[in-house]
PDB file of all heavy atoms in Angstrom:
ATOM      1  N   LEU A   1     -59.098 211.531 -60.276  1.00  0.00           N
ATOM      2  CA  LEU A   1     -59.092 212.303 -58.965  1.00  0.00           C
ATOM      3  C   LEU A   1     -59.362 213.728 -59.364  1.00  0.00           C
ATOM      4  O   LEU A   1     -58.574 214.406 -60.147  1.00  0.00           O
ATOM      5  CB  LEU A   1     -57.817 212.151 -58.314  1.00  0.00           C
ATOM      6  CG  LEU A   1     -57.660 212.866 -56.950  1.00  0.00           C
ATOM      7  CD1 LEU A   1     -58.752 212.526 -55.968  1.00  0.00           C
ATOM      8  CD2 LEU A   1     -56.177 212.690 -56.383  1.00  0.00           C
ATOM      9  N   ILE A   2     -60.469 214.323 -58.913  1.00  0.00           N
ATOM     10  CA  ILE A   2     -60.977 215.600 -59.225  1.00  0.00           C
ATOM     11  C   ILE A   2     -60.672 216.509 -57.977  1.00  0.00           C
ATOM     12  O   ILE A   2     -61.299 216.257 -56.893  1.00  0.00           O
ATOM     13  CB  ILE A   2     -62.384 215.733 -59.717  1.00  0.00           C
ATOM     14  CG1 ILE A   2     -62.635 214.749 -60.863  1.00  0.00           C
ATOM     15  CG2 ILE A   2     -62.751 217.169 -60.041  1.00  0.00           C
ATOM     16  CD1 ILE A   2     -64.157 214.535 -61.126  1.00  0.00           C
ATOM     17  N   GLU A   3     -59.883 217.536 -58.073  1.00  0.00           N
ATOM     18  CA  GLU A   3     -59.548 218.411 -56.962  1.00  0.00           C
ATOM     19  C   GLU A   3     -59.847 219.860 -57.343  1.00  0.00           C
ATOM     20  O   GLU A   3     -59.301 220.410 -58.170  1.00  0.00           O
ATOM     21  CB  GLU A   3     -58.107 218.297 -56.596  1.00  0.00           C
ATOM     22  CG  GLU A   3     -57.582 219.313 -55.648  1.00  0.00           C
ATOM     23  CD  GLU A   3     -58.460 219.469 -54.380  1.00  0.00           C
ATOM     24  OE1 GLU A   3     -58.910 218.498 -53.788  1.00  0.00           O
ATOM     25  OE2 GLU A   3     -58.629 220.732 -53.942  1.00  0.00           O
ATOM     26  N   PRO A   4     -60.856 220.496 -56.571  1.00  0.00           N
ATOM     27  CA  PRO A   4     -61.254 221.811 -56.894  1.00  0.00           C
ATOM     28  C   PRO A   4     -60.127 222.891 -56.762  1.00  0.00           C
ATOM     29  O   PRO A   4     -60.225 223.954 -57.435  1.00  0.00           O
ATOM     30  CB  PRO A   4     -62.349 222.146 -55.792  1.00  0.00           C
ATOM     31  CG  PRO A   4     -62.911 220.800 -55.451  1.00  0.00           C
ATOM     32  CD  PRO A   4     -61.633 219.924 -55.556  1.00  0.00           C
ATOM     33  N   THR A   5     -59.094 222.689 -55.932  1.00  0.00           N
ATOM     34  CA  THR A   5     -58.007 223.571 -55.909  1.00  0.00           C
ATOM     35  C   THR A   5     -56.842 223.207 -56.789  1.00  0.00           C
ATOM     36  O   THR A   5     -56.977 222.461 -57.716  1.00  0.00           O
ATOM     37  CB  THR A   5     -57.609 223.665 -54.390  1.00  0.00           C
ATOM     38  OG1 THR A   5     -56.756 222.543 -54.163  1.00  0.00           O
ATOM     39  CG2 THR A   5     -58.668 223.866 -53.420  1.00  0.00           C
ATOM     40  N   LYS A   6     -55.710 223.804 -56.607  1.00  0.00           N
ATOM     41  CA  LYS A   6     -54.592 223.579 -57.375  1.00  0.00           C
ATOM     42  C   LYS A   6     -53.567 222.669 -56.751  1.00  0.00           C
ATOM     43  O   LYS A   6     -52.385 222.467 -57.141  1.00  0.00           O
ATOM     44  CB  LYS A   6     -53.852 224.930 -57.791  1.00  0.00           C
ATOM     45  CG  LYS A   6     -54.718 225.758 -58.559  1.00  0.00           C
ATOM     46  CD  LYS A   6     -54.973 225.286 -59.977  1.00  0.00           C
ATOM     47  CE  LYS A   6     -55.795 226.287 -60.814  1.00  0.00           C
ATOM     48  NZ  LYS A   6     -56.161 225.723 -62.180  1.00  0.00           N
ATOM     49  N   PHE A   7     -53.940 222.112 -55.587  1.00  0.00           N
ATOM     50  CA  PHE A   7     -52.965 221.215 -54.866  1.00  0.00           C
ATOM     51  C   PHE A   7     -53.701 220.088 -54.277  1.00  0.00           C
ATOM     52  O   PHE A   7     -54.909 220.031 -54.004  1.00  0.00           O
ATOM     53  CB  PHE A   7     -52.188 221.990 -53.817  1.00  0.00           C
ATOM     54  CG  PHE A   7     -53.044 222.401 -52.687  1.00  0.00           C
ATOM     55  CD1 PHE A   7     -53.107 221.776 -51.470  1.00  0.00           C
ATOM     56  CD2 PHE A   7     -53.818 223.558 -52.652  1.00  0.00           C
ATOM     57  CE1 PHE A   7     -53.920 222.100 -50.377  1.00  0.00           C
ATOM     58  CE2 PHE A   7     -54.570 223.984 -51.644  1.00  0.00           C
ATOM     59  CZ  PHE A   7     -54.575 223.239 -50.467  1.00  0.00           C
ATOM     60  N   LEU A   8     -52.854 219.007 -54.010  1.00  0.00           N
ATOM     61  CA  LEU A   8     -53.394 217.712 -53.340  1.00  0.00           C
ATOM     62  C   LEU A   8     -53.063 217.686 -51.845  1.00  0.00           C
ATOM     63  O   LEU A   8     -52.040 218.366 -51.420  1.00  0.00           O
ATOM     64  CB  LEU A   8     -52.801 216.524 -54.008  1.00  0.00           C
ATOM     65  CG  LEU A   8     -53.095 216.255 -55.565  1.00  0.00           C
ATOM     66  CD1 LEU A   8     -52.326 215.051 -56.004  1.00  0.00           C
ATOM     67  CD2 LEU A   8     -54.610 216.083 -55.671  1.00  0.00           C
ATOM     68  N   GLY A   9     -53.781 216.957 -51.154  1.00  0.00           N
ATOM     69  CA  GLY A   9     -53.463 216.653 -49.759  1.00  0.00           C
ATOM     70  C   GLY A   9     -54.223 217.313 -48.676  1.00  0.00           C
ATOM     71  O   GLY A   9     -54.056 216.923 -47.494  1.00  0.00           O
ATOM     72  N   GLY A  10     -54.992 218.319 -48.989  1.00  0.00           N
ATOM     73  CA  GLY A  10     -55.806 218.987 -48.027  1.00  0.00           C
ATOM     74  C   GLY A  10     -54.892 219.566 -46.866  1.00  0.00           C
ATOM     75  O   GLY A  10     -54.001 220.212 -47.091  1.00  0.00           O
ATOM     76  N   LEU A  11     -55.352 219.145 -45.649  1.00  0.00           N
ATOM     77  CA  LEU A  11     -54.658 219.690 -44.491  1.00  0.00           C
ATOM     78  C   LEU A  11     -53.165 219.016 -44.377  1.00  0.00           C
ATOM     79  O   LEU A  11     -52.361 219.677 -43.762  1.00  0.00           O
ATOM     80  CB  LEU A  11     -55.497 219.354 -43.165  1.00  0.00           C
ATOM     81  CG  LEU A  11     -56.310 220.484 -42.593  1.00  0.00           C
ATOM     82  CD1 LEU A  11     -55.332 221.545 -42.030  1.00  0.00           C
ATOM     83  CD2 LEU A  11     -57.275 220.989 -43.546  1.00  0.00           C
ATOM     84  N   THR A  12     -53.081 217.895 -44.687  1.00  0.00           N
ATOM     85  CA  THR A  12     -51.753 217.132 -44.649  1.00  0.00           C
ATOM     86  C   THR A  12     -50.678 217.867 -45.384  1.00  0.00           C
ATOM     87  O   THR A  12     -49.553 217.916 -44.844  1.00  0.00           O
ATOM     88  CB  THR A  12     -51.828 215.694 -45.171  1.00  0.00           C
ATOM     89  OG1 THR A  12     -52.769 214.989 -44.407  1.00  0.00           O
ATOM     90  CG2 THR A  12     -50.530 214.977 -45.078  1.00  0.00           C
ATOM     91  N   THR A  13     -51.023 218.492 -46.478  1.00  0.00           N
ATOM     92  CA  THR A  13     -50.067 219.346 -47.160  1.00  0.00           C
ATOM     93  C   THR A  13     -50.268 220.833 -46.894  1.00  0.00           C
ATOM     94  O   THR A  13     -49.461 221.617 -47.354  1.00  0.00           O
ATOM     95  CB  THR A  13     -50.141 219.097 -48.652  1.00  0.00           C
ATOM     96  OG1 THR A  13     -51.488 219.462 -49.164  1.00  0.00           O
ATOM     97  CG2 THR A  13     -49.823 217.655 -49.061  1.00  0.00           C
ATOM     98  N   GLY A  14     -51.316 221.101 -46.056  1.00  0.00           N
ATOM     99  CA  GLY A  14     -51.611 222.510 -45.863  1.00  0.00           C
ATOM    100  C   GLY A  14     -51.257 223.057 -44.513  1.00  0.00           C
ATOM    101  O   GLY A  14     -51.794 224.094 -44.124  1.00  0.00           O
ATOM    102  N   GLY A  15     -50.283 222.410 -43.850  1.00  0.00           N
ATOM    103  CA  GLY A  15     -49.763 223.077 -42.620  1.00  0.00           C
ATOM    104  C   GLY A  15     -49.865 222.048 -41.464  1.00  0.00           C
ATOM    105  O   GLY A  15     -49.182 222.246 -40.481  1.00  0.00           O
ATOM    106  N   LEU A  16     -50.736 221.023 -41.470  1.00  0.00           N
ATOM    107  CA  LEU A  16     -50.816 220.111 -40.338  1.00  0.00           C
ATOM    108  C   LEU A  16     -49.785 219.022 -40.353  1.00  0.00           C
ATOM    109  O   LEU A  16     -50.016 217.960 -40.806  1.00  0.00           O
ATOM    110  CB  LEU A  16     -52.276 219.478 -40.318  1.00  0.00           C
ATOM    111  CG  LEU A  16     -52.799 219.054 -39.104  1.00  0.00           C
ATOM    112  CD1 LEU A  16     -54.275 218.704 -39.038  1.00  0.00           C
ATOM    113  CD2 LEU A  16     -52.096 217.804 -38.473  1.00  0.00           C
ATOM    114  N   GLY A  17     -48.567 219.443 -39.994  1.00  0.00           N
ATOM    115  CA  GLY A  17     -47.446 218.499 -40.027  1.00  0.00           C
ATOM    116  C   GLY A  17     -47.364 217.612 -38.725  1.00  0.00           C
ATOM    117  O   GLY A  17     -46.505 216.750 -38.628  1.00  0.00           O
ATOM    118  N   ALA A  18     -48.002 218.166 -37.615  1.00  0.00           N
ATOM    119  CA  ALA A  18     -47.949 217.448 -36.341  1.00  0.00           C
ATOM    120  C   ALA A  18     -49.042 216.464 -36.258  1.00  0.00           C
ATOM    121  O   ALA A  18     -50.147 216.778 -35.892  1.00  0.00           O
ATOM    122  CB  ALA A  18     -48.062 218.495 -35.215  1.00  0.00           C
ATOM    123  N   THR A  19     -48.829 215.324 -36.793  1.00  0.00           N
ATOM    124  CA  THR A  19     -49.934 214.335 -36.937  1.00  0.00           C
ATOM    125  C   THR A  19     -50.648 213.973 -35.732  1.00  0.00           C
ATOM    126  O   THR A  19     -49.978 213.582 -34.730  1.00  0.00           O
ATOM    127  CB  THR A  19     -49.257 213.087 -37.567  1.00  0.00           C
ATOM    128  OG1 THR A  19     -48.575 213.395 -38.765  1.00  0.00           O
ATOM    129  CG2 THR A  19     -50.383 212.074 -37.937  1.00  0.00           C
ATOM    130  N   ASP A  20     -51.945 214.221 -35.738  1.00  0.00           N
ATOM    131  CA  ASP A  20     -52.847 213.827 -34.608  1.00  0.00           C
ATOM    132  C   ASP A  20     -53.378 212.468 -34.845  1.00  0.00           C
ATOM    133  O   ASP A  20     -54.028 212.216 -35.855  1.00  0.00           O
ATOM    134  CB  ASP A  20     -53.923 214.871 -34.499  1.00  0.00           C
ATOM    135  CG  ASP A  20     -53.489 216.227 -34.095  1.00  0.00           C
ATOM    136  OD1 ASP A  20     -52.524 216.354 -33.279  1.00  0.00           O
ATOM    137  OD2 ASP A  20     -54.036 217.224 -34.504  1.00  0.00           O
ATOM    138  N   ILE A  21     -53.102 211.547 -33.891  1.00  0.00           N
ATOM    139  CA  ILE A  21     -53.659 210.223 -34.120  1.00  0.00           C
ATOM    140  C   ILE A  21     -53.924 209.459 -32.729  1.00  0.00           C
ATOM    141  O   ILE A  21     -54.937 208.751 -32.607  1.00  0.00           O
ATOM    142  CB  ILE A  21     -52.897 209.299 -34.987  1.00  0.00           C
ATOM    143  CG1 ILE A  21     -53.606 207.948 -35.200  1.00  0.00           C
ATOM    144  CG2 ILE A  21     -51.441 209.184 -34.574  1.00  0.00           C
ATOM    145  CD1 ILE A  21     -54.880 207.936 -35.591  1.00  0.00           C
ATOM    146  N   GLY A  22     -53.119 209.688 -31.765  1.00  0.00           N
ATOM    147  CA  GLY A  22     -53.157 208.963 -30.551  1.00  0.00           C
ATOM    148  C   GLY A  22     -52.377 207.666 -30.756  1.00  0.00           C
ATOM    149  O   GLY A  22     -51.122 207.800 -30.954  1.00  0.00           O
ATOM    150  N   ASN A  23     -52.949 206.458 -30.532  1.00  0.00           N
ATOM    151  CA  ASN A  23     -52.169 205.242 -30.781  1.00  0.00           C
ATOM    152  C   ASN A  23     -51.837 204.955 -32.161  1.00  0.00           C
ATOM    153  O   ASN A  23     -52.756 204.564 -33.019  1.00  0.00           O
ATOM    154  CB  ASN A  23     -53.003 204.121 -30.055  1.00  0.00           C
ATOM    155  CG  ASN A  23     -52.186 202.799 -29.965  1.00  0.00           C
ATOM    156  OD1 ASN A  23     -51.213 202.548 -30.715  1.00  0.00           O
ATOM    157  ND2 ASN A  23     -52.486 201.984 -28.895  1.00  0.00           N
ATOM    158  N   LYS A  24     -50.620 205.104 -32.589  1.00  0.00           N
ATOM    159  CA  LYS A  24     -50.210 204.864 -34.041  1.00  0.00           C
ATOM    160  C   LYS A  24     -50.396 203.496 -34.493  1.00  0.00           C
ATOM    161  O   LYS A  24     -50.379 203.151 -35.688  1.00  0.00           O
ATOM    162  CB  LYS A  24     -48.825 205.443 -34.159  1.00  0.00           C
ATOM    163  CG  LYS A  24     -48.613 206.954 -33.873  1.00  0.00           C
ATOM    164  CD  LYS A  24     -47.140 207.302 -34.154  1.00  0.00           C
ATOM    165  CE  LYS A  24     -46.985 208.812 -34.012  1.00  0.00           C
ATOM    166  NZ  LYS A  24     -47.334 209.232 -32.554  1.00  0.00           N
ATOM    167  N   LYS A  25     -50.506 202.486 -33.563  1.00  0.00           N
ATOM    168  CA  LYS A  25     -50.762 201.095 -33.969  1.00  0.00           C
ATOM    169  C   LYS A  25     -52.045 200.971 -34.718  1.00  0.00           C
ATOM    170  O   LYS A  25     -52.218 200.000 -35.506  1.00  0.00           O
ATOM    171  CB  LYS A  25     -50.779 200.212 -32.625  1.00  0.00           C
ATOM    172  CG  LYS A  25     -51.029 198.738 -32.973  1.00  0.00           C
ATOM    173  CD  LYS A  25     -50.970 197.992 -31.650  1.00  0.00           C
ATOM    174  CE  LYS A  25     -51.249 196.449 -31.862  1.00  0.00           C
ATOM    175  NZ  LYS A  25     -51.361 195.773 -30.583  1.00  0.00           N
ATOM    176  N   ALA A  26     -53.016 201.940 -34.697  1.00  0.00           N
ATOM    177  CA  ALA A  26     -54.284 201.887 -35.267  1.00  0.00           C
ATOM    178  C   ALA A  26     -54.171 202.174 -36.818  1.00  0.00           C
ATOM    179  O   ALA A  26     -55.085 201.982 -37.524  1.00  0.00           O
ATOM    180  CB  ALA A  26     -55.195 202.793 -34.686  1.00  0.00           C
ATOM    181  N   ILE A  27     -53.017 202.702 -37.261  1.00  0.00           N
ATOM    182  CA  ILE A  27     -52.814 203.146 -38.663  1.00  0.00           C
ATOM    183  C   ILE A  27     -52.040 202.151 -39.447  1.00  0.00           C
ATOM    184  O   ILE A  27     -50.940 201.765 -39.050  1.00  0.00           O
ATOM    185  CB  ILE A  27     -52.100 204.475 -38.666  1.00  0.00           C
ATOM    186  CG1 ILE A  27     -52.875 205.573 -37.771  1.00  0.00           C
ATOM    187  CG2 ILE A  27     -51.948 204.982 -40.138  1.00  0.00           C
ATOM    188  CD1 ILE A  27     -54.408 205.689 -38.314  1.00  0.00           C
ATOM    189  N   GLY A  28     -52.626 201.709 -40.534  1.00  0.00           N
ATOM    190  CA  GLY A  28     -52.006 200.770 -41.389  1.00  0.00           C
ATOM    191  C   GLY A  28     -52.178 201.117 -42.832  1.00  0.00           C
ATOM    192  O   GLY A  28     -52.554 202.210 -43.218  1.00  0.00           O
ATOM    193  N   GLY A  29     -51.851 200.128 -43.808  1.00  0.00           N
ATOM    194  CA  GLY A  29     -52.114 200.284 -45.181  1.00  0.00           C
ATOM    195  C   GLY A  29     -51.293 201.432 -45.906  1.00  0.00           C
ATOM    196  O   GLY A  29     -50.176 201.753 -45.511  1.00  0.00           O
ATOM    197  N   ILE A  30     -51.893 202.112 -46.825  1.00  0.00           N
ATOM    198  CA  ILE A  30     -51.316 203.236 -47.526  1.00  0.00           C
ATOM    199  C   ILE A  30     -51.074 204.432 -46.583  1.00  0.00           C
ATOM    200  O   ILE A  30     -50.073 205.082 -46.672  1.00  0.00           O
ATOM    201  CB  ILE A  30     -52.267 203.652 -48.614  1.00  0.00           C
ATOM    202  CG1 ILE A  30     -52.409 202.560 -49.735  1.00  0.00           C
ATOM    203  CG2 ILE A  30     -51.796 205.010 -49.264  1.00  0.00           C
ATOM    204  CD1 ILE A  30     -53.269 202.935 -50.917  1.00  0.00           C
ATOM    205  N   SER A  31     -51.888 204.624 -45.556  1.00  0.00           N
ATOM    206  CA  SER A  31     -51.705 205.749 -44.581  1.00  0.00           C
ATOM    207  C   SER A  31     -50.299 205.488 -43.871  1.00  0.00           C
ATOM    208  O   SER A  31     -49.541 206.429 -43.867  1.00  0.00           O
ATOM    209  CB  SER A  31     -52.801 205.675 -43.555  1.00  0.00           C
ATOM    210  OG  SER A  31     -52.672 206.801 -42.731  1.00  0.00           O
TER     211      SER A  31
END
């Protein structure tokens, strides 16, 4: 895994803590 910055996660670790998805039933697996 090659990451140009010094941290992982992009927006998920970068301040977007209010998860936008709509119907959460659509999300499975590792997510």
